[in-house]
Protein backbone atom coordinates (compact mmCIF):
# COMPACT_ATOMS: atom_id res chain seq x y z
CA UNK A 1 -17.28 -16.52 -3.79
CA UNK A 2 -14.03 -14.67 -3.22
CA UNK A 3 -13.05 -14.10 0.35
CA UNK A 4 -11.90 -10.70 1.76
CA UNK A 5 -8.37 -12.14 2.14
CA UNK A 6 -8.25 -13.35 -1.49
CA UNK A 7 -9.58 -10.03 -2.70
CA UNK A 8 -6.95 -8.16 -0.69
CA UNK A 9 -4.06 -10.37 -1.95
CA UNK A 10 -5.31 -9.92 -5.53
CA UNK A 11 -5.38 -6.14 -5.11
CA UNK A 12 -1.92 -6.11 -3.57
CA UNK A 13 -0.49 -8.21 -6.41
CA UNK A 14 -2.06 -5.87 -9.01
CA UNK A 15 -0.48 -2.85 -7.30
CA UNK A 16 2.89 -4.59 -6.98
CA UNK A 17 2.82 -5.35 -10.81
CA UNK A 18 1.67 -1.73 -11.41
CA UNK A 19 4.70 -0.37 -9.50
CA UNK A 20 7.16 -2.82 -11.09
CA UNK A 21 6.00 -1.69 -14.52
CA UNK A 22 6.79 1.88 -13.45
CA UNK A 23 10.33 0.91 -12.44
CA UNK A 24 9.85 0.38 -8.73
CA UNK A 25 11.58 -2.43 -6.87
CA UNK A 26 9.41 -4.30 -4.38
CA UNK A 27 11.35 -4.47 -1.03
CA UNK A 28 8.64 -6.19 1.08
CA UNK A 29 5.09 -7.42 0.99
CA UNK A 30 2.89 -7.60 4.07
CA UNK A 31 5.66 -6.40 6.41
CA UNK A 32 4.32 -6.95 9.90
CA UNK A 33 5.15 -6.09 13.50
CA UNK A 34 3.01 -6.10 16.67
CA UNK A 35 1.58 -2.65 15.79
CA UNK A 36 0.23 -3.63 12.35
CA UNK A 37 1.14 -4.31 8.75
CA UNK A 38 2.30 -2.44 5.75
CA UNK A 39 0.96 -3.93 2.49
CA UNK A 40 3.83 -3.05 0.18
CA UNK A 41 7.22 -1.39 0.63
CA UNK A 42 8.99 -0.33 -2.56
CA UNK A 43 11.96 1.59 -3.78
CA UNK A 44 11.03 4.21 -6.37
CA UNK A 45 13.23 4.83 -9.40
CA UNK A 46 14.26 8.18 -7.80
CA UNK A 47 15.51 6.38 -4.65
CA UNK A 48 12.57 7.24 -2.34
CA UNK A 49 11.28 4.43 -0.16
CA UNK A 50 7.52 4.14 -0.72
CA UNK A 51 5.10 2.58 1.84
CA UNK A 52 1.85 1.60 0.16
CA UNK A 53 -1.58 0.94 1.76
CA UNK A 54 -3.79 -1.02 -0.66
CA UNK A 55 -7.56 -1.14 -0.33
CA UNK A 56 -9.42 -3.56 -2.57
CA UNK A 57 -13.13 -3.81 -3.10
CA UNK A 58 -15.43 -5.75 -5.40
CA UNK A 59 -17.70 -2.72 -5.79
CA UNK A 60 -18.28 0.84 -4.49
CA UNK A 61 -21.48 -0.22 -2.81
CA UNK A 62 -20.02 0.89 0.60
CA UNK A 63 -18.05 3.86 -0.78
CA UNK A 64 -14.71 4.34 -2.46
CA UNK A 65 -11.99 2.04 -1.10
CA UNK A 66 -9.77 4.93 0.01
CA UNK A 67 -12.53 6.12 2.39
CA UNK A 68 -11.54 3.18 4.58
CA UNK A 69 -8.23 4.93 5.38
CA UNK A 70 -9.31 6.72 8.57
CA UNK A 71 -7.19 9.13 10.57
CA UNK A 72 -6.41 6.29 12.96
CA UNK A 73 -5.16 4.15 10.09
CA UNK A 74 -3.10 7.08 8.80
CA UNK A 75 -1.41 7.44 12.14
CA UNK A 76 -0.73 3.71 12.29
CA UNK A 77 0.83 3.83 8.77
CA UNK A 78 3.15 6.66 9.81
CA UNK A 79 4.23 4.75 12.93
CA UNK A 80 4.79 1.52 10.96
CA UNK A 81 6.73 3.40 8.23
CA UNK A 82 9.04 4.91 10.81
CA UNK A 83 9.47 1.53 12.47
CA UNK A 84 10.53 -0.08 9.20
CA UNK A 85 12.98 2.75 8.50
CA UNK A 86 14.56 2.25 11.91
CA UNK A 87 14.63 -1.58 11.76
CA UNK A 88 16.29 -1.39 8.37
CA UNK A 89 18.74 1.43 9.27
CA UNK A 90 17.27 3.76 6.70
CA UNK A 91 16.28 6.61 9.01
CA UNK A 92 18.01 9.22 6.87
CA UNK A 93 16.33 7.94 3.69
CA UNK A 94 13.61 9.94 1.92
CA UNK A 95 10.25 8.21 2.09
CA UNK A 96 6.58 8.74 1.41
CA UNK A 97 3.31 6.96 2.03
CA UNK A 98 1.05 6.19 -0.92
CA UNK A 99 -2.48 4.76 -1.06
CA UNK A 100 -3.92 2.58 -3.78
CA UNK A 101 -7.53 1.63 -4.39
CA UNK A 102 -8.40 -1.38 -6.52
CA UNK A 103 -11.93 -2.05 -7.75
CA UNK A 104 -12.07 -5.63 -8.93
CA UNK A 105 -14.30 -4.97 -11.95
CA UNK A 106 -13.51 -6.29 -15.38
CA UNK A 107 -10.85 -5.04 -16.07
CA UNK A 108 -9.79 -3.96 -12.57
CA UNK A 109 -9.61 -0.25 -11.88
CA UNK A 110 -6.63 1.23 -10.07
CA UNK A 111 -6.66 4.61 -8.31
CA UNK A 112 -3.10 5.21 -7.16
CA UNK A 113 -2.29 8.32 -5.09
CA UNK A 114 1.27 9.20 -4.20
CA UNK A 115 2.30 10.98 -0.98
CA UNK A 116 -1.17 11.28 0.49
CA UNK A 117 -0.20 10.78 4.12
């Protein structure tokens, strides 16, 4: 049986590969501070810094994975993104927050949404 942590890591790896194939550069994985964690941080081909929240599920039995991104989680992602920009002296840099859902079916299904927060 696959654990939640293994499922999450697999989903994050699939999304990282997905972004790399689209020409993104992965800047960080699982960037963490006291206030939380950002799954992936990438640099888009157009120079925009992209913060990515990844939600992985083995099925939709409890709803679509993106339904787990509550208003509280959205606020946390905004705060974390701004903290990363400040810490890395990129406060003038354009950025966006994307969300990705991964259903670990065979083959895995990816639902990637740019700029949703």
